[in-house]
Amino acid sequence: MRRYENILIVAPDCTKEEEEELLRRVQANAEKLGAELLKTDDWGVRRLAYPIKKKDRGHYFFLLFNMDESSIVTLDKFYRTMDLILRHLFVVVDEKDKGLEKPPEPVVFDEMEGEA
């Protein structure tokens, strides 16, 4: 089994209950595949770099799994069937790297360069 980081971008207009149900379904399907969910982190709603499915914002979730490579294909197919999931990404975590310890800090611009 290898360690994988998984980032989900969920539609920002879904309710908190829908998000919780989605995460429960992801965890249940991962467990059926023999995967172990190590960490779930809510990164909040962020602006997207470009519109996806006519949405300019997305709710980001970070998941850390221990699973086999064959489980990724099945989980990928599951994600594609979910309308609430705008995008997803799996990244293999290096053996010597523990992965992200905390979510990235949001960037806030107080004033534009050259305006002062």
C-alpha atoms as a PDB file:
ATOM      1  CA  MET A   1       0.000   0.000   0.000  1.00  0.00           C
ATOM      2  CA  ARG A   2       1.143   3.493  -0.805  1.00  0.00           C
ATOM      3  CA  ARG A   3       0.174   6.860   0.581  1.00  0.00           C
ATOM      4  CA  TYR A   4      -1.843   9.226  -1.616  1.00  0.00           C
ATOM      5  CA  GLU A   5      -3.005  12.799  -1.214  1.00  0.00           C
ATOM      6  CA  ASN A   6      -6.394  13.473  -2.704  1.00  0.00           C
ATOM      7  CA  ILE A   7      -7.818  16.939  -3.295  1.00  0.00           C
ATOM      8  CA  LEU A   8     -11.503  17.363  -4.084  1.00  0.00           C
ATOM      9  CA  ILE A   9     -13.105  20.544  -5.376  1.00  0.00           C
ATOM     10  CA  VAL A  10     -16.797  20.473  -4.524  1.00  0.00           C
ATOM     11  CA  ALA A  11     -19.490  22.812  -5.860  1.00  0.00           C
ATOM     12  CA  PRO A  12     -19.704  25.823  -3.505  1.00  0.00           C
ATOM     13  CA  ASP A  13     -23.514  26.060  -3.590  1.00  0.00           C
ATOM     14  CA  CYS A  14     -24.171  22.671  -1.950  1.00  0.00           C
ATOM     15  CA  THR A  15     -25.321  22.564   1.652  1.00  0.00           C
ATOM     16  CA  LYS A  16     -23.248  21.459   4.642  1.00  0.00           C
ATOM     17  CA  GLU A  17     -25.363  18.284   4.891  1.00  0.00           C
ATOM     18  CA  GLU A  18     -24.659  17.433   1.245  1.00  0.00           C
ATOM     19  CA  GLU A  19     -20.913  17.923   1.816  1.00  0.00           C
ATOM     20  CA  GLU A  20     -20.965  15.689   4.912  1.00  0.00           C
ATOM     21  CA  GLU A  21     -22.911  13.010   3.024  1.00  0.00           C
ATOM     22  CA  LEU A  22     -20.457  13.211   0.123  1.00  0.00           C
ATOM     23  CA  LEU A  23     -17.462  12.769   2.448  1.00  0.00           C
ATOM     24  CA  ARG A  24     -19.212   9.829   4.176  1.00  0.00           C
ATOM     25  CA  ARG A  25     -19.782   8.174   0.794  1.00  0.00           C
ATOM     26  CA  VAL A  26     -16.161   8.745  -0.232  1.00  0.00           C
ATOM     27  CA  GLN A  27     -14.926   7.233   3.031  1.00  0.00           C
ATOM     28  CA  ALA A  28     -17.318   4.251   2.771  1.00  0.00           C
ATOM     29  CA  ASN A  29     -16.284   3.517  -0.823  1.00  0.00           C
ATOM     30  CA  ALA A  30     -12.603   3.833   0.056  1.00  0.00           C
ATOM     31  CA  GLU A  31     -13.019   1.393   2.948  1.00  0.00           C
ATOM     32  CA  LYS A  32     -14.793  -1.095   0.643  1.00  0.00           C
ATOM     33  CA  LEU A  33     -11.710  -0.956  -1.579  1.00  0.00           C
ATOM     34  CA  GLY A  34      -9.412  -1.663   1.366  1.00  0.00           C
ATOM     35  CA  ALA A  35      -8.122   1.901   1.640  1.00  0.00           C
ATOM     36  CA  GLU A  36      -7.409   3.584   4.945  1.00  0.00           C
ATOM     37  CA  LEU A  37      -8.418   7.237   5.326  1.00  0.00           C
ATOM     38  CA  LEU A  38      -5.739   8.871   7.476  1.00  0.00           C
ATOM     39  CA  LYS A  39      -6.781  12.516   7.388  1.00  0.00           C
ATOM     40  CA  THR A  40      -9.597  14.749   6.186  1.00  0.00           C
ATOM     41  CA  ASP A  41      -9.126  18.493   6.069  1.00  0.00           C
ATOM     42  CA  ASP A  42     -11.565  21.215   4.994  1.00  0.00           C
ATOM     43  CA  TRP A  43      -9.691  23.985   3.167  1.00  0.00           C
ATOM     44  CA  GLY A  44     -12.795  26.118   2.659  1.00  0.00           C
ATOM     45  CA  VAL A  45     -14.223  27.931  -0.335  1.00  0.00           C
ATOM     46  CA  ARG A  46     -11.668  29.466  -2.689  1.00  0.00           C
ATOM     47  CA  ARG A  47     -11.760  31.251  -6.004  1.00  0.00           C
ATOM     48  CA  LEU A  48     -10.953  29.025  -8.985  1.00  0.00           C
ATOM     49  CA  ALA A  49      -8.330  30.028 -11.547  1.00  0.00           C
ATOM     50  CA  TYR A  50     -10.893  29.438 -14.304  1.00  0.00           C
ATOM     51  CA  PRO A  51     -14.607  28.533 -14.350  1.00  0.00           C
ATOM     52  CA  ILE A  52     -15.461  24.839 -14.004  1.00  0.00           C
ATOM     53  CA  LYS A  53     -19.027  23.825 -14.873  1.00  0.00           C
ATOM     54  CA  LYS A  54     -19.952  27.546 -14.816  1.00  0.00           C
ATOM     55  CA  LYS A  55     -18.697  27.946 -11.219  1.00  0.00           C
ATOM     56  CA  ASP A  56     -16.003  30.468 -10.290  1.00  0.00           C
ATOM     57  CA  ARG A  57     -15.547  29.195  -6.712  1.00  0.00           C
ATOM     58  CA  GLY A  58     -15.038  25.759  -5.219  1.00  0.00           C
ATOM     59  CA  HIS A  59     -14.979  24.164  -1.772  1.00  0.00           C
ATOM     60  CA  TYR A  60     -11.656  22.353  -1.316  1.00  0.00           C
ATOM     61  CA  PHE A  61     -11.189  19.160   0.708  1.00  0.00           C
ATOM     62  CA  PHE A  62      -7.877  17.411   1.388  1.00  0.00           C
ATOM     63  CA  LEU A  63      -7.865  13.641   2.011  1.00  0.00           C
ATOM     64  CA  LEU A  64      -4.882  11.460   2.886  1.00  0.00           C
ATOM     65  CA  PHE A  65      -5.168   7.741   2.044  1.00  0.00           C
ATOM     66  CA  ASN A  66      -3.183   4.533   2.338  1.00  0.00           C
ATOM     67  CA  MET A  67      -4.341   2.377  -0.590  1.00  0.00           C
ATOM     68  CA  ASP A  68      -3.372   0.200  -3.537  1.00  0.00           C
ATOM     69  CA  GLU A  69      -2.948   1.600  -7.035  1.00  0.00           C
ATOM     70  CA  SER A  70      -5.929  -0.412  -8.289  1.00  0.00           C
ATOM     71  CA  SER A  71      -8.184   1.393  -5.799  1.00  0.00           C
ATOM     72  CA  ILE A  72      -7.437   4.750  -7.425  1.00  0.00           C
ATOM     73  CA  VAL A  73      -9.072   3.730 -10.699  1.00  0.00           C
ATOM     74  CA  THR A  74     -12.251   2.663  -8.919  1.00  0.00           C
ATOM     75  CA  LEU A  75     -12.342   5.755  -6.723  1.00  0.00           C
ATOM     76  CA  ASP A  76     -11.714   7.919  -9.811  1.00  0.00           C
ATOM     77  CA  LYS A  77     -14.758   6.381 -11.526  1.00  0.00           C
ATOM     78  CA  PHE A  78     -16.836   7.032  -8.395  1.00  0.00           C
ATOM     79  CA  TYR A  79     -15.763  10.695  -8.345  1.00  0.00           C
ATOM     80  CA  ARG A  80     -16.720  11.120 -11.993  1.00  0.00           C
ATOM     81  CA  THR A  81     -20.286   9.977 -11.257  1.00  0.00           C
ATOM     82  CA  MET A  82     -20.751  12.596  -8.517  1.00  0.00           C
ATOM     83  CA  ASP A  83     -22.193  15.857  -9.852  1.00  0.00           C
ATOM     84  CA  LEU A  84     -21.098  17.804  -6.763  1.00  0.00           C
ATOM     85  CA  ILE A  85     -17.403  17.100  -7.395  1.00  0.00           C
ATOM     86  CA  LEU A  86     -16.034  19.642  -9.879  1.00  0.00           C
ATOM     87  CA  ARG A  87     -12.433  18.310  -9.961  1.00  0.00           C
ATOM     88  CA  HIS A  88     -10.261  15.815  -8.126  1.00  0.00           C
ATOM     89  CA  LEU A  89      -6.581  14.972  -8.039  1.00  0.00           C
ATOM     90  CA  PHE A  90      -4.538  12.066  -6.665  1.00  0.00           C
ATOM     91  CA  VAL A  91      -0.854  12.567  -5.854  1.00  0.00           C
ATOM     92  CA  VAL A  92       1.544   9.880  -4.644  1.00  0.00           C
ATOM     93  CA  VAL A  93       3.282  10.945  -1.433  1.00  0.00           C
ATOM     94  CA  ASP A  94       7.012  10.309  -1.410  1.00  0.00           C
ATOM     95  CA  GLU A  95       8.109   7.689   1.128  1.00  0.00           C
ATOM     96  CA  LYS A  96      10.325  10.188   2.938  1.00  0.00           C
ATOM     97  CA  ASP A  97       7.723  12.970   2.704  1.00  0.00           C
ATOM     98  CA  LYS A  98       4.863  12.966   5.221  1.00  0.00           C
ATOM     99  CA  GLY A  99       2.615  15.146   3.068  1.00  0.00           C
ATOM    100  CA  LEU A 100       1.056  18.497   3.911  1.00  0.00           C
ATOM    101  CA  GLU A 101       0.912  19.256   7.621  1.00  0.00           C
ATOM    102  CA  LYS A 102      -1.624  22.076   7.254  1.00  0.00           C
ATOM    103  CA  PRO A 103      -3.553  23.743   4.438  1.00  0.00           C
ATOM    104  CA  PRO A 104      -1.943  26.635   2.575  1.00  0.00           C
ATOM    105  CA  GLU A 105      -2.657  30.092   3.933  1.00  0.00           C
ATOM    106  CA  PRO A 106      -5.104  32.189   1.886  1.00  0.00           C
ATOM    107  CA  VAL A 107      -3.544  35.122   0.080  1.00  0.00           C
ATOM    108  CA  VAL A 108      -5.011  38.516   0.997  1.00  0.00           C
ATOM    109  CA  PHE A 109      -4.007  41.640  -0.902  1.00  0.00           C
ATOM    110  CA  ASP A 110      -4.424  44.870   1.070  1.00  0.00           C
ATOM    111  CA  GLU A 111      -3.531  47.212  -1.758  1.00  0.00           C
ATOM    112  CA  MET A 112      -2.280  46.883  -5.282  1.00  0.00           C
ATOM    113  CA  GLU A 113       1.393  47.449  -5.988  1.00  0.00           C
ATOM    114  CA  GLY A 114       2.013  51.009  -7.118  1.00  0.00           C
ATOM    115  CA  GLU A 115      -1.241  52.428  -5.693  1.00  0.00           C
ATOM    116  CA  ALA A 116       0.226  53.816  -2.444  1.00  0.00           C
END
